[in-house]
Structures are given as C-alpha cells and as structure tokens.
C-alpha cells in the first residue's frame, strides 16, 4: 500500500514541477516583452539548468543577480 501512495506522490510532484516550469517560461517571456531581456535570459538559463539537475535552488543566485541588475 505504501508503494501506491509513493507513486501518487511522485506523480503529484511531477505535475507541480511541470506547472512551475510553465509559469517560469511565461515569466521569462513577460520579462523580455517588458524590456528586461537579461532577466528573461537568466530565467531561461535557470530553466535549462534545472532540467539537467532537477533542482533550481542552485540557480537562485543567478535570478537574484539579474533582478538586482534590472532594478539599478
């Protein structure tokens, strides 16, 4: 029975990660349309890196530095 609930959690996690990925792609497009090309580029790069590692937490610094650059 544990296996069934484990499979369900894995499926839910996959769905959530896919949804987050879609939102991040939309944010990158919105940033580029708003003239924040560097931010859009960094978001896309973070997405590509996340697909390789399965974890975007290591990319937070890249996104933060982009935000700082856009604000200045």
PDB file of N, CA and C in Angstrom:
ATOM      1  N   UNK A   1       0.822  -1.192   0.000  1.00  0.00           N
ATOM      2  CA  UNK A   1       0.000   0.000   0.000  1.00  0.00           C
ATOM      3  C   UNK A   1       0.866   1.255   0.000  1.00  0.00           C
ATOM      4  N   UNK A   2       1.994   1.175   0.630  1.00  0.00           N
ATOM      5  CA  UNK A   2       2.914   2.300   0.642  1.00  0.00           C
ATOM      6  C   UNK A   2       3.381   2.645  -0.771  1.00  0.00           C
ATOM      7  N   UNK A   3       3.559   1.627  -1.596  1.00  0.00           N
ATOM      8  CA  UNK A   3       4.013   1.852  -2.968  1.00  0.00           C
ATOM      9  C   UNK A   3       3.004   2.677  -3.752  1.00  0.00           C
ATOM     10  N   UNK A   4       1.719   2.416  -3.550  1.00  0.00           N
ATOM     11  CA  UNK A   4       0.682   3.173  -4.247  1.00  0.00           C
ATOM     12  C   UNK A   4       0.727   4.638  -3.849  1.00  0.00           C
ATOM     13  N   UNK A   5       0.845   4.914  -2.557  1.00  0.00           N
ATOM     14  CA  UNK A   5       0.898   6.308  -2.121  1.00  0.00           C
ATOM     15  C   UNK A   5       2.202   6.966  -2.566  1.00  0.00           C
ATOM     16  N   UNK A   6       3.300   6.206  -2.590  1.00  0.00           N
ATOM     17  CA  UNK A   6       4.570   6.746  -3.079  1.00  0.00           C
ATOM     18  C   UNK A   6       4.459   7.125  -4.550  1.00  0.00           C
ATOM     19  N   UNK A   7       3.837   6.269  -5.348  1.00  0.00           N
ATOM     20  CA  UNK A   7       3.652   6.557  -6.770  1.00  0.00           C
ATOM     21  C   UNK A   7       2.776   7.782  -6.965  1.00  0.00           C
ATOM     22  N   UNK A   8       1.755   7.920  -6.130  1.00  0.00           N
ATOM     23  CA  UNK A   8       0.868   9.072  -6.216  1.00  0.00           C
ATOM     24  C   UNK A   8       1.633  10.361  -5.908  1.00  0.00           C
ATOM     25  N   UNK A   9       2.471  10.317  -4.885  1.00  0.00           N
ATOM     26  CA  UNK A   9       3.257  11.499  -4.528  1.00  0.00           C
ATOM     27  C   UNK A   9       4.247  11.868  -5.624  1.00  0.00           C
ATOM     28  N   UNK A  10       4.861  10.874  -6.224  1.00  0.00           N
ATOM     29  CA  UNK A  10       5.801  11.130  -7.320  1.00  0.00           C
ATOM     30  C   UNK A  10       5.061  11.774  -8.484  1.00  0.00           C
ATOM     31  N   UNK A  11       3.873  11.275  -8.783  1.00  0.00           N
ATOM     32  CA  UNK A  11       3.076  11.837  -9.880  1.00  0.00           C
ATOM     33  C   UNK A  11       2.672  13.278  -9.563  1.00  0.00           C
ATOM     34  N   UNK A  12       2.254  13.530  -8.320  1.00  0.00           N
ATOM     35  CA  UNK A  12       1.876  14.884  -7.924  1.00  0.00           C
ATOM     36  C   UNK A  12       3.074  15.824  -8.001  1.00  0.00           C
ATOM     37  N   UNK A  13       4.225  15.349  -7.553  1.00  0.00           N
ATOM     38  CA  UNK A  13       5.434  16.169  -7.601  1.00  0.00           C
ATOM     39  C   UNK A  13       5.771  16.517  -9.046  1.00  0.00           C
ATOM     40  N   UNK A  14       5.658  15.550  -9.924  1.00  0.00           N
ATOM     41  CA  UNK A  14       5.931  15.777 -11.340  1.00  0.00           C
ATOM     42  C   UNK A  14       4.985  16.823 -11.913  1.00  0.00           C
ATOM     43  N   UNK A  15       3.708  16.735 -11.552  1.00  0.00           N
ATOM     44  CA  UNK A  15       2.722  17.707 -12.024  1.00  0.00           C
ATOM     45  C   UNK A  15       3.042  19.110 -11.523  1.00  0.00           C
ATOM     46  N   UNK A  16       3.423  19.217 -10.258  1.00  0.00           N
ATOM     47  CA  UNK A  16       3.749  20.517  -9.675  1.00  0.00           C
ATOM     48  C   UNK A  16       4.984  21.109 -10.350  1.00  0.00           C
ATOM     49  N   UNK A  17       6.010  20.294 -10.560  1.00  0.00           N
ATOM     50  CA  UNK A  17       7.227  20.782 -11.212  1.00  0.00           C
ATOM     51  C   UNK A  17       6.950  21.223 -12.646  1.00  0.00           C
ATOM     52  N   UNK A  18       6.088  20.502 -13.338  1.00  0.00           N
ATOM     53  CA  UNK A  18       5.720  20.888 -14.700  1.00  0.00           C
ATOM     54  C   UNK A  18       4.991  22.228 -14.693  1.00  0.00           C
ATOM     55  N   UNK A  19       4.095  22.424 -13.733  1.00  0.00           N
ATOM     56  CA  UNK A  19       3.353  23.673 -13.613  1.00  0.00           C
ATOM     57  C   UNK A  19       4.296  24.839 -13.305  1.00  0.00           C
ATOM     58  N   UNK A  20       5.230  24.630 -12.392  1.00  0.00           N
ATOM     59  CA  UNK A  20       6.212  25.670 -12.055  1.00  0.00           C
ATOM     60  C   UNK A  20       7.052  26.012 -13.279  1.00  0.00           C
ATOM     61  N   UNK A  21       7.431  25.010 -14.044  1.00  0.00           N
ATOM     62  CA  UNK A  21       8.207  25.219 -15.261  1.00  0.00           C
ATOM     63  C   UNK A  21       7.432  26.088 -16.256  1.00  0.00           C
ATOM     64  N   UNK A  22       6.146  25.799 -16.420  1.00  0.00           N
ATOM     65  CA  UNK A  22       5.320  26.591 -17.337  1.00  0.00           C
ATOM     66  C   UNK A  22       5.235  28.042 -16.879  1.00  0.00           C
ATOM     67  N   UNK A  23       5.069  28.255 -15.579  1.00  0.00           N
ATOM     68  CA  UNK A  23       4.996  29.614 -15.037  1.00  0.00           C
ATOM     69  C   UNK A  23       6.317  30.345 -15.261  1.00  0.00           C
ATOM     70  N   UNK A  24       7.427  29.677 -15.026  1.00  0.00           N
ATOM     71  CA  UNK A  24       8.741  30.297 -15.216  1.00  0.00           C
ATOM     72  C   UNK A  24       8.955  30.679 -16.679  1.00  0.00           C
ATOM     73  N   UNK A  25       8.504  29.833 -17.599  1.00  0.00           N
ATOM     74  CA  UNK A  25       8.623  30.157 -19.023  1.00  0.00           C
ATOM     75  C   UNK A  25       7.791  31.389 -19.365  1.00  0.00           C
ATOM     76  N   UNK A  26       6.581  31.463 -18.811  1.00  0.00           N
ATOM     77  CA  UNK A  26       5.741  32.637 -19.042  1.00  0.00           C
ATOM     78  C   UNK A  26       6.381  33.889 -18.460  1.00  0.00           C
ATOM     79  N   UNK A  27       6.970  33.782 -17.278  1.00  0.00           N
ATOM     80  CA  UNK A  27       7.649  34.928 -16.666  1.00  0.00           C
ATOM     81  C   UNK A  27       8.818  35.403 -17.521  1.00  0.00           C
ATOM     82  N   UNK A  28       9.566  34.468 -18.082  1.00  0.00           N
ATOM     83  CA  UNK A  28      10.684  34.834 -18.952  1.00  0.00           C
ATOM     84  C   UNK A  28      10.175  35.598 -20.167  1.00  0.00           C
ATOM     85  N   UNK A  29       9.089  35.133 -20.758  1.00  0.00           N
ATOM     86  CA  UNK A  29       8.517  35.820 -21.920  1.00  0.00           C
ATOM     87  C   UNK A  29       8.018  37.208 -21.534  1.00  0.00           C
ATOM     88  N   UNK A  30       7.355  37.309 -20.382  1.00  0.00           N
ATOM     89  CA  UNK A  30       6.847  38.604 -19.928  1.00  0.00           C
ATOM     90  C   UNK A  30       7.998  39.573 -19.667  1.00  0.00           C
ATOM     91  N   UNK A  31       9.061  39.092 -19.058  1.00  0.00           N
ATOM     92  CA  UNK A  31      10.220  39.940 -18.774  1.00  0.00           C
ATOM     93  C   UNK A  31      10.816  40.468 -20.068  1.00  0.00           C
ATOM     94  N   UNK A  32      10.955  39.597 -21.056  1.00  0.00           N
ATOM     95  CA  UNK A  32      11.530  40.020 -22.334  1.00  0.00           C
ATOM     96  C   UNK A  32      10.627  41.030 -23.037  1.00  0.00           C
ATOM     97  N   UNK A  33       9.326  40.806 -23.000  1.00  0.00           N
ATOM     98  CA  UNK A  33       8.395  41.759 -23.630  1.00  0.00           C
ATOM     99  C   UNK A  33       8.427  43.108 -22.926  1.00  0.00           C
ATOM    100  N   UNK A  34       8.700  43.094 -21.619  1.00  0.00           N
ATOM    101  CA  UNK A  34       8.755  44.333 -20.845  1.00  0.00           C
ATOM    102  C   UNK A  34      10.107  45.032 -20.974  1.00  0.00           C
ATOM    103  N   UNK A  35      11.015  44.441 -21.741  1.00  0.00           N
ATOM    104  CA  UNK A  35      12.314  45.060 -21.947  1.00  0.00           C
ATOM    105  C   UNK A  35      13.395  44.578 -20.995  1.00  0.00           C
ATOM    106  N   UNK A  36      13.075  43.633 -20.145  1.00  0.00           N
ATOM    107  CA  UNK A  36      14.059  43.079 -19.199  1.00  0.00           C
ATOM    108  C   UNK A  36      14.682  41.835 -19.824  1.00  0.00           C
ATOM    109  N   UNK A  37      15.443  42.063 -20.875  1.00  0.00           N
ATOM    110  CA  UNK A  37      15.998  40.957 -21.658  1.00  0.00           C
ATOM    111  C   UNK A  37      16.940  40.103 -20.818  1.00  0.00           C
ATOM    112  N   UNK A  38      17.769  40.729 -19.998  1.00  0.00           N
ATOM    113  CA  UNK A  38      18.719  39.970 -19.172  1.00  0.00           C
ATOM    114  C   UNK A  38      17.983  39.057 -18.196  1.00  0.00           C
ATOM    115  N   UNK A  39      16.918  39.556 -17.601  1.00  0.00           N
ATOM    116  CA  UNK A  39      16.137  38.739 -16.673  1.00  0.00           C
ATOM    117  C   UNK A  39      15.498  37.562 -17.409  1.00  0.00           C
ATOM    118  N   UNK A  40      14.918  37.824 -18.571  1.00  0.00           N
ATOM    119  CA  UNK A  40      14.327  36.749 -19.362  1.00  0.00           C
ATOM    120  C   UNK A  40      15.357  35.694 -19.721  1.00  0.00           C
ATOM    121  N   UNK A  41      16.543  36.155 -20.101  1.00  0.00           N
ATOM    122  CA  UNK A  41      17.621  35.224 -20.458  1.00  0.00           C
ATOM    123  C   UNK A  41      18.032  34.381 -19.248  1.00  0.00           C
ATOM    124  N   UNK A  42      18.177  35.037 -18.094  1.00  0.00           N
ATOM    125  CA  UNK A  42      18.577  34.310 -16.885  1.00  0.00           C
ATOM    126  C   UNK A  42      17.518  33.299 -16.459  1.00  0.00           C
ATOM    127  N   UNK A  43      16.253  33.663 -16.598  1.00  0.00           N
ATOM    128  CA  UNK A  43      15.187  32.715 -16.264  1.00  0.00           C
ATOM    129  C   UNK A  43      15.238  31.502 -17.180  1.00  0.00           C
ATOM    130  N   UNK A  44      15.439  31.741 -18.460  1.00  0.00           N
ATOM    131  CA  UNK A  44      15.521  30.616 -19.405  1.00  0.00           C
ATOM    132  C   UNK A  44      16.743  29.738 -19.109  1.00  0.00           C
ATOM    133  N   UNK A  45      17.862  30.375 -18.774  1.00  0.00           N
ATOM    134  CA  UNK A  45      19.068  29.620 -18.445  1.00  0.00           C
ATOM    135  C   UNK A  45      18.845  28.785 -17.183  1.00  0.00           C
ATOM    136  N   UNK A  46      18.189  29.368 -16.196  1.00  0.00           N
ATOM    137  CA  UNK A  46      17.893  28.627 -14.964  1.00  0.00           C
ATOM    138  C   UNK A  46      16.980  27.441 -15.251  1.00  0.00           C
ATOM    139  N   UNK A  47      16.023  27.623 -16.150  1.00  0.00           N
ATOM    140  CA  UNK A  47      15.141  26.515 -16.531  1.00  0.00           C
ATOM    141  C   UNK A  47      15.926  25.395 -17.187  1.00  0.00           C
ATOM    142  N   UNK A  48      16.837  25.757 -18.085  1.00  0.00           N
ATOM    143  CA  UNK A  48      17.643  24.728 -18.754  1.00  0.00           C
ATOM    144  C   UNK A  48      18.516  23.992 -17.743  1.00  0.00           C
ATOM    145  N   UNK A  49      19.104  24.736 -16.808  1.00  0.00           N
ATOM    146  CA  UNK A  49      19.947  24.111 -15.793  1.00  0.00           C
ATOM    147  C   UNK A  49      19.112  23.206 -14.893  1.00  0.00           C
ATOM    148  N   UNK A  50      17.896  23.623 -14.591  1.00  0.00           N
ATOM    149  CA  UNK A  50      17.019  22.827 -13.730  1.00  0.00           C
ATOM    150  C   UNK A  50      16.649  21.512 -14.388  1.00  0.00           C
ATOM    151  N   UNK A  51      16.492  21.526 -15.685  1.00  0.00           N
ATOM    152  CA  UNK A  51      16.160  20.281 -16.381  1.00  0.00           C
ATOM    153  C   UNK A  51      17.302  19.286 -16.264  1.00  0.00           C
ATOM    154  N   UNK A  52      18.520  19.784 -16.182  1.00  0.00           N
ATOM    155  CA  UNK A  52      19.661  18.885 -16.051  1.00  0.00           C
ATOM    156  C   UNK A  52      19.815  18.344 -14.645  1.00  0.00           C
ATOM    157  N   UNK A  53      19.579  19.192 -13.638  1.00  0.00           N
ATOM    158  CA  UNK A  53      19.814  18.767 -12.259  1.00  0.00           C
ATOM    159  C   UNK A  53      18.539  18.384 -11.533  1.00  0.00           C
ATOM    160  N   UNK A  54      17.393  18.840 -12.035  1.00  0.00           N
ATOM    161  CA  UNK A  54      16.139  18.572 -11.348  1.00  0.00           C
ATOM    162  C   UNK A  54      15.930  19.458 -10.130  1.00  0.00           C
ATOM    163  N   UNK A  55      16.813  20.451  -9.950  1.00  0.00           N
ATOM    164  CA  UNK A  55      16.729  21.313  -8.778  1.00  0.00           C
ATOM    165  C   UNK A  55      17.134  22.718  -9.186  1.00  0.00           C
ATOM    166  N   UNK A  56      16.227  23.682  -9.003  1.00  0.00           N
ATOM    167  CA  UNK A  56      16.561  25.046  -9.397  1.00  0.00           C
ATOM    168  C   UNK A  56      17.112  25.859  -8.231  1.00  0.00           C
ATOM    169  N   UNK A  57      17.212  25.280  -7.042  1.00  0.00           N
ATOM    170  CA  UNK A  57      17.674  26.049  -5.891  1.00  0.00           C
ATOM    171  C   UNK A  57      19.077  26.603  -6.110  1.00  0.00           C
ATOM    172  N   UNK A  58      19.914  25.887  -6.852  1.00  0.00           N
ATOM    173  CA  UNK A  58      21.273  26.361  -7.110  1.00  0.00           C
ATOM    174  C   UNK A  58      21.286  27.528  -8.082  1.00  0.00           C
ATOM    175  N   UNK A  59      20.172  27.780  -8.750  1.00  0.00           N
ATOM    176  CA  UNK A  59      20.105  28.855  -9.732  1.00  0.00           C
ATOM    177  C   UNK A  59      19.521  30.137  -9.159  1.00  0.00           C
ATOM    178  N   UNK A  60      19.130  30.123  -7.883  1.00  0.00           N
ATOM    179  CA  UNK A  60      18.505  31.298  -7.305  1.00  0.00           C
ATOM    180  C   UNK A  60      19.436  32.496  -7.335  1.00  0.00           C
ATOM    181  N   UNK A  61      20.727  32.295  -7.164  1.00  0.00           N
ATOM    182  CA  UNK A  61      21.682  33.395  -7.208  1.00  0.00           C
ATOM    183  C   UNK A  61      21.700  34.062  -8.563  1.00  0.00           C
ATOM    184  N   UNK A  62      21.607  33.282  -9.632  1.00  0.00           N
ATOM    185  CA  UNK A  62      21.581  33.842 -10.980  1.00  0.00           C
ATOM    186  C   UNK A  62      20.361  34.727 -11.168  1.00  0.00           C
ATOM    187  N   UNK A  63      19.220  34.264 -10.697  1.00  0.00           N
ATOM    188  CA  UNK A  63      17.989  35.027 -10.859  1.00  0.00           C
ATOM    189  C   UNK A  63      18.055  36.282 -10.003  1.00  0.00           C
ATOM    190  N   UNK A  64      18.545  36.173  -8.767  1.00  0.00           N
ATOM    191  CA  UNK A  64      18.645  37.330  -7.890  1.00  0.00           C
ATOM    192  C   UNK A  64      19.579  38.382  -8.463  1.00  0.00           C
ATOM    193  N   UNK A  65      20.710  37.965  -9.019  1.00  0.00           N
ATOM    194  CA  UNK A  65      21.644  38.938  -9.569  1.00  0.00           C
ATOM    195  C   UNK A  65      21.031  39.641 -10.763  1.00  0.00           C
ATOM    196  N   UNK A  66      20.211  38.948 -11.513  1.00  0.00           N
ATOM    197  CA  UNK A  66      19.519  39.565 -12.631  1.00  0.00           C
ATOM    198  C   UNK A  66      18.534  40.600 -12.134  1.00  0.00           C
ATOM    199  N   UNK A  67      17.807  40.253 -11.091  1.00  0.00           N
ATOM    200  CA  UNK A  67      16.840  41.195 -10.541  1.00  0.00           C
ATOM    201  C   UNK A  67      17.549  42.445 -10.051  1.00  0.00           C
ATOM    202  N   UNK A  68      18.687  42.279  -9.390  1.00  0.00           N
ATOM    203  CA  UNK A  68      19.442  43.431  -8.912  1.00  0.00           C
ATOM    204  C   UNK A  68      19.884  44.307 -10.076  1.00  0.00           C
ATOM    205  N   UNK A  69      20.325  43.694 -11.161  1.00  0.00           N
ATOM    206  CA  UNK A  69      20.760  44.442 -12.337  1.00  0.00           C
ATOM    207  C   UNK A  69      19.626  45.192 -12.996  1.00  0.00           C
ATOM    208  N   UNK A  70      18.440  44.607 -13.014  1.00  0.00           N
ATOM    209  CA  UNK A  70      17.290  45.254 -13.634  1.00  0.00           C
ATOM    210  C   UNK A  70      16.816  46.441 -12.810  1.00  0.00           C
ATOM    211  N   UNK A  71      16.986  46.366 -11.496  1.00  0.00           N
ATOM    212  CA  UNK A  71      16.494  47.430 -10.622  1.00  0.00           C
ATOM    213  C   UNK A  71      17.401  48.644 -10.630  1.00  0.00           C
ATOM    214  N   UNK A  72      18.704  48.440 -10.926  1.00  0.00           N
ATOM    215  CA  UNK A  72      19.615  49.568 -10.835  1.00  0.00           C
ATOM    216  C   UNK A  72      19.509  50.490 -12.010  1.00  0.00           C
TER     217      UNK A  72
END
